[in-house]
Amino acid sequence: MKHYDNEPEQEMHGAEAVANFLDRNHASYELIEHYATYAAREEASAAGSPAPRMAKTVVLHDTDGYRIAIIPASERVDLDKAREVFGAGADMRLATEDEIARDFPAFDPGALPPFRGLLGTPEVLDTRLLHYHRILCSAGDHRHTLKISPEEIKRVGEPAVADVCV
């Protein structure tokens, strides 16, 4: 498992922390600035891309802490499949917005980036996203979107890759 030294990002917030992290990991990406959006379809439109290529970062919580599922924005996470991937028990559930705001203060709730090196938690990338050359995902705040290949997410974040959608 790769160890991430994310101290520099701890002082930064939102898209600035994401860009710093990706630059330090020599990732190929595009950071798109736009008007504030609060829904995946809106964010895709603001970034000038089709909605099916939009990914979302779903935060799960259980007694062992948080887990992250990166899935197409048009899909829903299947908790049973996610539990199996993470080896979690029946108490794993979706995290609340209050939990996310409290425990991931460097990022806007609803705009968490898809990198465990920034979030400090295990993650899984849904296989459906591998069908696209580039996808859009949250860049840490509601005014920026990240355009990146799923292969770069795999390389930089080292997530498990599995089918975790309904």
Protein backbone atom coordinates (compact mmCIF):
# COMPACT_ATOMS: atom_id res chain seq x y z
CA MET A 1 0.00 0.00 0.00
CA LYS A 2 1.33 3.42 -0.92
CA HIS A 3 1.79 5.92 1.92
CA TYR A 4 0.67 9.46 1.22
CA ASP A 5 2.18 12.49 2.91
CA ASN A 6 -0.76 14.86 2.68
CA GLU A 7 0.45 17.48 5.15
CA PRO A 8 0.78 20.23 2.47
CA GLU A 9 -2.85 19.70 1.40
CA GLN A 10 -4.07 19.98 4.99
CA GLU A 11 -3.41 23.73 4.89
CA MET A 12 -5.18 24.08 1.55
CA HIS A 13 -8.85 23.67 0.82
CA GLY A 14 -11.02 22.51 -2.05
CA ALA A 15 -9.70 22.57 -5.59
CA GLU A 16 -6.36 24.04 -4.51
CA ALA A 17 -5.63 20.97 -2.35
CA VAL A 18 -6.75 18.63 -5.15
CA ALA A 19 -4.56 20.34 -7.78
CA ASN A 20 -1.57 20.33 -5.42
CA PHE A 21 -2.04 16.62 -4.70
CA LEU A 22 -2.38 15.73 -8.39
CA ASP A 23 0.61 17.85 -9.38
CA ARG A 24 2.78 16.20 -6.73
CA ASN A 25 1.71 12.81 -8.12
CA HIS A 26 2.45 13.88 -11.72
CA ALA A 27 -1.14 13.26 -12.79
CA SER A 28 -2.63 14.37 -16.08
CA TYR A 29 -5.87 16.30 -15.46
CA GLU A 30 -7.81 19.44 -16.25
CA LEU A 31 -9.35 21.63 -13.56
CA ILE A 32 -12.45 23.42 -14.85
CA GLU A 33 -13.74 26.50 -13.05
CA HIS A 34 -17.47 27.29 -13.35
CA TYR A 35 -20.43 28.78 -11.50
CA ALA A 36 -21.37 27.03 -8.25
CA THR A 37 -23.30 23.79 -8.80
CA TYR A 38 -24.86 21.39 -6.33
CA ALA A 39 -26.03 18.47 -8.49
CA ALA A 40 -24.08 16.17 -10.82
CA ARG A 41 -26.14 17.00 -13.92
CA GLU A 42 -25.66 20.74 -13.26
CA GLU A 43 -21.93 20.24 -12.73
CA ALA A 44 -21.56 18.28 -15.98
CA SER A 45 -23.44 20.99 -17.88
CA ALA A 46 -21.34 23.77 -16.31
CA ALA A 47 -18.17 21.88 -17.26
CA GLY A 48 -19.45 21.38 -20.83
CA SER A 49 -19.62 17.58 -20.81
CA PRO A 50 -22.34 14.91 -21.08
CA ALA A 51 -23.86 13.90 -17.73
CA PRO A 52 -23.14 10.14 -18.13
CA ARG A 53 -19.42 10.88 -17.81
CA MET A 54 -19.91 12.49 -14.41
CA ALA A 55 -18.69 10.49 -11.41
CA LYS A 56 -19.66 11.03 -7.81
CA THR A 57 -17.81 10.26 -4.61
CA VAL A 58 -20.12 8.40 -2.21
CA VAL A 59 -19.03 8.37 1.43
CA LEU A 60 -19.88 5.25 3.44
CA HIS A 61 -19.49 4.88 7.20
CA ASP A 62 -19.22 1.90 9.53
CA THR A 63 -17.67 1.08 12.89
CA ASP A 64 -14.19 0.97 11.33
CA GLY A 65 -14.49 4.44 9.79
CA TYR A 66 -15.16 5.75 6.33
CA ARG A 67 -15.02 4.13 2.91
CA ILE A 68 -15.38 5.82 -0.47
CA ALA A 69 -17.17 4.55 -3.58
CA ILE A 70 -16.53 6.36 -6.86
CA ILE A 71 -19.49 5.61 -9.11
CA PRO A 72 -21.27 7.10 -12.15
CA ALA A 73 -23.45 10.00 -11.03
CA SER A 74 -26.43 8.36 -12.73
CA GLU A 75 -26.13 5.22 -10.56
CA ARG A 76 -26.75 4.30 -6.92
CA VAL A 77 -24.30 2.44 -4.72
CA ASP A 78 -25.30 -1.10 -3.76
CA LEU A 79 -24.45 -1.34 -0.06
CA ASP A 80 -24.29 -5.14 -0.14
CA LYS A 81 -21.73 -5.10 -2.96
CA ALA A 82 -19.76 -2.34 -1.23
CA ARG A 83 -19.77 -4.27 2.06
CA GLU A 84 -18.35 -7.28 0.25
CA VAL A 85 -15.58 -5.27 -1.43
CA PHE A 86 -14.57 -3.58 1.83
CA GLY A 87 -15.13 -6.61 4.05
CA ALA A 88 -17.52 -4.48 6.11
CA GLY A 89 -20.41 -5.54 8.30
CA ALA A 90 -24.12 -4.89 8.09
CA ASP A 91 -23.73 -1.58 9.91
CA MET A 92 -22.07 0.12 6.90
CA ARG A 93 -24.33 2.92 5.68
CA LEU A 94 -24.24 6.18 3.76
CA ALA A 95 -22.49 8.89 5.77
CA THR A 96 -24.57 11.92 6.70
CA GLU A 97 -23.84 15.39 5.39
CA ASP A 98 -23.02 16.49 8.96
CA GLU A 99 -20.46 13.67 9.32
CA ILE A 100 -18.87 14.57 6.01
CA ALA A 101 -18.68 18.28 6.88
CA ARG A 102 -17.18 17.49 10.30
CA ASP A 103 -14.66 14.84 9.23
CA PHE A 104 -13.57 16.16 5.81
CA PRO A 105 -13.37 19.91 6.53
CA ALA A 106 -10.98 20.72 3.68
CA PHE A 107 -13.71 19.95 1.15
CA ASP A 108 -17.29 21.06 0.55
CA PRO A 109 -19.86 18.38 1.45
CA GLY A 110 -21.11 16.92 -1.81
CA ALA A 111 -17.86 17.79 -3.60
CA LEU A 112 -15.31 15.33 -2.21
CA PRO A 113 -12.55 14.39 -4.66
CA PRO A 114 -12.01 10.72 -5.53
CA PHE A 115 -8.56 10.21 -3.97
CA ARG A 116 -7.81 8.33 -0.77
CA GLY A 117 -4.50 10.18 -0.57
CA LEU A 118 -6.54 13.29 0.21
CA LEU A 119 -9.34 11.65 2.18
CA GLY A 120 -7.32 9.06 4.10
CA THR A 121 -9.84 6.27 3.59
CA PRO A 122 -10.08 3.09 1.48
CA GLU A 123 -11.94 3.44 -1.79
CA VAL A 124 -13.41 1.52 -4.69
CA LEU A 125 -13.81 2.67 -8.30
CA ASP A 126 -16.87 1.26 -10.04
CA THR A 127 -16.05 -0.69 -13.21
CA ARG A 128 -18.60 1.30 -15.26
CA LEU A 129 -16.33 4.34 -15.16
CA LEU A 130 -13.55 2.43 -16.93
CA HIS A 131 -15.58 2.61 -20.18
CA TYR A 132 -14.70 6.29 -20.58
CA HIS A 133 -11.46 7.85 -21.72
CA ARG A 134 -12.00 10.87 -19.41
CA ILE A 135 -14.58 11.48 -16.71
CA LEU A 136 -15.67 14.45 -14.66
CA CYS A 137 -15.62 14.38 -10.88
CA SER A 138 -15.74 16.78 -7.98
CA ALA A 139 -12.60 18.75 -7.27
CA GLY A 140 -13.23 19.56 -3.63
CA ASP A 141 -15.62 22.50 -3.92
CA HIS A 142 -18.76 23.46 -5.83
CA ARG A 143 -16.99 25.82 -8.26
CA HIS A 144 -14.51 23.40 -9.81
CA THR A 145 -14.73 20.12 -11.70
CA LEU A 146 -11.92 17.73 -12.42
CA LYS A 147 -11.58 16.13 -15.87
CA ILE A 148 -9.36 13.07 -15.53
CA SER A 149 -9.03 9.57 -16.89
CA PRO A 150 -10.23 6.67 -14.73
CA GLU A 151 -6.77 5.17 -15.29
CA GLU A 152 -5.20 8.20 -13.57
CA ILE A 153 -7.60 7.78 -10.64
CA LYS A 154 -6.48 4.15 -10.44
CA ARG A 155 -2.80 5.08 -10.61
CA VAL A 156 -2.87 7.96 -8.14
CA GLY A 157 -5.48 6.69 -5.68
CA GLU A 158 -4.93 2.93 -5.95
CA PRO A 159 -8.62 2.10 -5.37
CA ALA A 160 -10.06 -1.36 -5.56
CA VAL A 161 -11.97 -1.79 -8.83
CA ALA A 162 -15.33 -3.55 -8.65
CA ASP A 163 -19.01 -3.39 -9.58
CA VAL A 164 -20.61 -1.60 -6.61
CA CYS A 165 -23.77 -0.19 -8.22
CA VAL A 166 -27.36 -1.37 -8.06
